[in-house]
Amino acid sequence: MNISPRLERAGTTHYIGVMANSLTLSDAAAKRVATIAAKLGKPAVLRLSVEGGGCSGFQYKFDLGEPEGDDVISETDDVKLVVDPISLDLVAGSTVDFVESLGGAAFRVENPNAAAGCGCGSSFGI
């Protein structure tokens, strides 16, 4: 199990440990991304971005996709979490988890920057 997130930019790798702007992909989320990617025949790379909208002002968006340009990359068990620099300002220090309950299954972001959120967990305010 590799839970040491690392930051990659411009072809270099820096281990970020517990820095304030670190991102973490939980073991449960990494396993789910690996399963989905394998079924779709894609690389195990989860892209997290933030868009305007939702009931609290901003909403999280998840996609499978390759890193681009200045993306920040955190890696857990060979699964990558990729965030663009603009979204990083809004999700720095966050943990992405995968939660299964009676209400369904979803990726959840535990965002220390969020001052407000909604019941569904996909929207937040700063």
C-alpha atoms as a PDB file:
ATOM      1  CA  MET A   1       0.000   0.000   0.000  1.00  0.00           C
ATOM      2  CA  ASN A   2       1.480   3.348  -1.075  1.00  0.00           C
ATOM      3  CA  ILE A   3      -0.313   6.197   0.679  1.00  0.00           C
ATOM      4  CA  SER A   4       2.441   8.775   0.320  1.00  0.00           C
ATOM      5  CA  PRO A   5       0.986  11.350  -2.045  1.00  0.00           C
ATOM      6  CA  ARG A   6       3.413  13.036  -4.345  1.00  0.00           C
ATOM      7  CA  LEU A   7       3.278  16.128  -6.454  1.00  0.00           C
ATOM      8  CA  GLU A   8       4.432  16.073 -10.041  1.00  0.00           C
ATOM      9  CA  ARG A   9       4.870  19.118 -12.263  1.00  0.00           C
ATOM     10  CA  ALA A  10       6.787  19.801 -15.416  1.00  0.00           C
ATOM     11  CA  GLY A  11       8.438  16.405 -15.502  1.00  0.00           C
ATOM     12  CA  THR A  12       9.719  16.507 -11.919  1.00  0.00           C
ATOM     13  CA  THR A  13       8.444  14.669  -8.866  1.00  0.00           C
ATOM     14  CA  HIS A  14       8.289  16.147  -5.382  1.00  0.00           C
ATOM     15  CA  TYR A  15       6.949  14.243  -2.387  1.00  0.00           C
ATOM     16  CA  ILE A  16       4.441  16.477  -0.646  1.00  0.00           C
ATOM     17  CA  GLY A  17       3.537  14.504   2.491  1.00  0.00           C
ATOM     18  CA  VAL A  18       1.440  16.747   4.719  1.00  0.00           C
ATOM     19  CA  MET A  19       1.955  20.112   3.053  1.00  0.00           C
ATOM     20  CA  ALA A  20      -1.057  22.426   3.194  1.00  0.00           C
ATOM     21  CA  ASN A  21      -1.726  22.064  -0.531  1.00  0.00           C
ATOM     22  CA  SER A  22      -1.400  18.287  -0.660  1.00  0.00           C
ATOM     23  CA  LEU A  23      -4.105  16.140  -2.178  1.00  0.00           C
ATOM     24  CA  THR A  24      -4.919  12.649  -1.008  1.00  0.00           C
ATOM     25  CA  LEU A  25      -6.720   9.831  -2.766  1.00  0.00           C
ATOM     26  CA  SER A  26      -8.006   7.325  -0.202  1.00  0.00           C
ATOM     27  CA  ASP A  27      -7.410   3.606  -0.603  1.00  0.00           C
ATOM     28  CA  ALA A  28     -11.138   3.059  -1.256  1.00  0.00           C
ATOM     29  CA  ALA A  29     -11.155   5.736  -3.975  1.00  0.00           C
ATOM     30  CA  ALA A  30      -7.976   4.351  -5.556  1.00  0.00           C
ATOM     31  CA  LYS A  31      -9.476   0.851  -5.706  1.00  0.00           C
ATOM     32  CA  ARG A  32     -12.695   2.166  -7.272  1.00  0.00           C
ATOM     33  CA  VAL A  33     -10.823   4.230  -9.885  1.00  0.00           C
ATOM     34  CA  ALA A  34      -8.671   1.194 -10.758  1.00  0.00           C
ATOM     35  CA  THR A  35     -11.801  -0.958 -11.175  1.00  0.00           C
ATOM     36  CA  ILE A  36     -13.606   1.597 -13.368  1.00  0.00           C
ATOM     37  CA  ALA A  37     -10.503   2.263 -15.481  1.00  0.00           C
ATOM     38  CA  ALA A  38      -9.917  -1.457 -16.024  1.00  0.00           C
ATOM     39  CA  LYS A  39     -13.517  -1.975 -17.178  1.00  0.00           C
ATOM     40  CA  LEU A  40     -13.219   0.943 -19.605  1.00  0.00           C
ATOM     41  CA  GLY A  41      -9.711   0.040 -20.772  1.00  0.00           C
ATOM     42  CA  LYS A  42      -8.329   3.423 -19.661  1.00  0.00           C
ATOM     43  CA  PRO A  43      -5.411   4.443 -17.430  1.00  0.00           C
ATOM     44  CA  ALA A  44      -6.183   4.665 -13.706  1.00  0.00           C
ATOM     45  CA  VAL A  45      -6.204   8.470 -13.566  1.00  0.00           C
ATOM     46  CA  LEU A  46      -9.009  10.369 -11.803  1.00  0.00           C
ATOM     47  CA  ARG A  47      -9.328  14.025 -12.763  1.00  0.00           C
ATOM     48  CA  LEU A  48     -10.886  16.306 -10.145  1.00  0.00           C
ATOM     49  CA  SER A  49     -11.892  19.782 -11.263  1.00  0.00           C
ATOM     50  CA  VAL A  50     -14.023  22.563  -9.837  1.00  0.00           C
ATOM     51  CA  GLU A  51     -16.656  24.421 -11.830  1.00  0.00           C
ATOM     52  CA  GLY A  52     -18.939  27.301 -10.960  1.00  0.00           C
ATOM     53  CA  GLY A  53     -22.483  26.218 -10.151  1.00  0.00           C
ATOM     54  CA  GLY A  54     -24.286  23.838  -7.876  1.00  0.00           C
ATOM     55  CA  CYS A  55     -26.398  24.931  -4.948  1.00  0.00           C
ATOM     56  CA  SER A  56     -23.430  26.328  -2.966  1.00  0.00           C
ATOM     57  CA  GLY A  57     -21.464  28.178  -5.672  1.00  0.00           C
ATOM     58  CA  PHE A  58     -18.915  25.596  -6.803  1.00  0.00           C
ATOM     59  CA  GLN A  59     -19.246  21.950  -7.788  1.00  0.00           C
ATOM     60  CA  TYR A  60     -16.817  19.074  -8.077  1.00  0.00           C
ATOM     61  CA  LYS A  61     -16.431  17.280 -11.393  1.00  0.00           C
ATOM     62  CA  PHE A  62     -14.812  13.853 -11.785  1.00  0.00           C
ATOM     63  CA  ASP A  63     -13.540  12.316 -15.033  1.00  0.00           C
ATOM     64  CA  LEU A  64     -11.010   9.738 -16.134  1.00  0.00           C
ATOM     65  CA  GLY A  65      -8.248  11.428 -18.089  1.00  0.00           C
ATOM     66  CA  GLU A  66      -4.556  11.847 -18.630  1.00  0.00           C
ATOM     67  CA  PRO A  67      -2.521  14.600 -16.949  1.00  0.00           C
ATOM     68  CA  GLU A  68      -2.083  17.793 -18.952  1.00  0.00           C
ATOM     69  CA  GLY A  69       0.330  20.748 -18.806  1.00  0.00           C
ATOM     70  CA  ASP A  70       0.746  22.049 -15.264  1.00  0.00           C
ATOM     71  CA  ASP A  71      -1.627  19.555 -13.633  1.00  0.00           C
ATOM     72  CA  VAL A  72      -0.831  18.502 -10.087  1.00  0.00           C
ATOM     73  CA  ILE A  73      -0.695  14.738  -9.569  1.00  0.00           C
ATOM     74  CA  SER A  74      -1.110  12.792  -6.346  1.00  0.00           C
ATOM     75  CA  GLU A  75      -0.637   9.027  -6.475  1.00  0.00           C
ATOM     76  CA  THR A  76      -1.976   6.236  -4.261  1.00  0.00           C
ATOM     77  CA  ASP A  77      -1.347   2.560  -5.084  1.00  0.00           C
ATOM     78  CA  ASP A  78      -0.443   3.380  -8.724  1.00  0.00           C
ATOM     79  CA  VAL A  79      -3.700   5.339  -9.213  1.00  0.00           C
ATOM     80  CA  LYS A  80      -3.313   9.039  -9.971  1.00  0.00           C
ATOM     81  CA  LEU A  81      -5.460  11.944  -8.815  1.00  0.00           C
ATOM     82  CA  VAL A  82      -5.029  14.845 -11.244  1.00  0.00           C
ATOM     83  CA  VAL A  83      -6.034  18.465 -10.559  1.00  0.00           C
ATOM     84  CA  ASP A  84      -5.528  21.537 -12.730  1.00  0.00           C
ATOM     85  CA  PRO A  85      -3.778  24.554 -11.116  1.00  0.00           C
ATOM     86  CA  ILE A  86      -6.922  26.712 -10.987  1.00  0.00           C
ATOM     87  CA  SER A  87      -8.997  24.015  -9.264  1.00  0.00           C
ATOM     88  CA  LEU A  88      -6.087  23.299  -6.904  1.00  0.00           C
ATOM     89  CA  ASP A  89      -6.585  26.691  -5.257  1.00  0.00           C
ATOM     90  CA  LEU A  90     -10.083  25.549  -4.209  1.00  0.00           C
ATOM     91  CA  VAL A  91      -9.274  21.948  -3.205  1.00  0.00           C
ATOM     92  CA  ALA A  92      -5.782  22.231  -1.667  1.00  0.00           C
ATOM     93  CA  GLY A  93      -5.468  19.949   1.343  1.00  0.00           C
ATOM     94  CA  SER A  94      -8.460  17.808   0.304  1.00  0.00           C
ATOM     95  CA  THR A  95      -8.975  14.073   0.471  1.00  0.00           C
ATOM     96  CA  VAL A  96     -10.954  12.269  -2.218  1.00  0.00           C
ATOM     97  CA  ASP A  97     -12.749   9.204  -0.879  1.00  0.00           C
ATOM     98  CA  PHE A  98     -15.205   6.678  -2.279  1.00  0.00           C
ATOM     99  CA  VAL A  99     -18.215   6.008  -0.066  1.00  0.00           C
ATOM    100  CA  GLU A 100     -20.871   3.317  -0.408  1.00  0.00           C
ATOM    101  CA  SER A 101     -24.091   3.558   1.603  1.00  0.00           C
ATOM    102  CA  LEU A 102     -27.790   2.766   1.345  1.00  0.00           C
ATOM    103  CA  GLY A 103     -28.209   6.043  -0.552  1.00  0.00           C
ATOM    104  CA  GLY A 104     -25.731   4.977  -3.242  1.00  0.00           C
ATOM    105  CA  ALA A 105     -22.052   5.097  -3.996  1.00  0.00           C
ATOM    106  CA  ALA A 106     -20.046   8.203  -4.870  1.00  0.00           C
ATOM    107  CA  PHE A 107     -16.696   9.907  -4.750  1.00  0.00           C
ATOM    108  CA  ARG A 108     -16.638  12.460  -1.910  1.00  0.00           C
ATOM    109  CA  VAL A 109     -14.251  15.342  -1.366  1.00  0.00           C
ATOM    110  CA  GLU A 110     -13.292  16.238   2.184  1.00  0.00           C
ATOM    111  CA  ASN A 111     -12.319  19.841   1.522  1.00  0.00           C
ATOM    112  CA  PRO A 112     -10.869  21.905   4.411  1.00  0.00           C
ATOM    113  CA  ASN A 113     -11.366  25.078   2.331  1.00  0.00           C
ATOM    114  CA  ALA A 114     -15.142  24.673   2.044  1.00  0.00           C
ATOM    115  CA  ALA A 115     -17.072  27.028   4.325  1.00  0.00           C
ATOM    116  CA  ALA A 116     -20.446  25.687   3.184  1.00  0.00           C
ATOM    117  CA  GLY A 117     -21.728  22.595   1.442  1.00  0.00           C
ATOM    118  CA  CYS A 118     -24.894  20.927   0.287  1.00  0.00           C
ATOM    119  CA  GLY A 119     -26.578  17.700   1.319  1.00  0.00           C
ATOM    120  CA  CYS A 120     -25.457  15.812  -1.773  1.00  0.00           C
ATOM    121  CA  GLY A 121     -21.782  16.574  -1.133  1.00  0.00           C
ATOM    122  CA  SER A 122     -21.025  17.606  -4.706  1.00  0.00           C
ATOM    123  CA  SER A 123     -21.339  21.362  -4.187  1.00  0.00           C
ATOM    124  CA  PHE A 124     -19.491  23.717  -1.861  1.00  0.00           C
ATOM    125  CA  GLY A 125     -18.880  27.384  -1.071  1.00  0.00           C
ATOM    126  CA  ILE A 126     -15.767  29.220   0.061  1.00  0.00           C
END
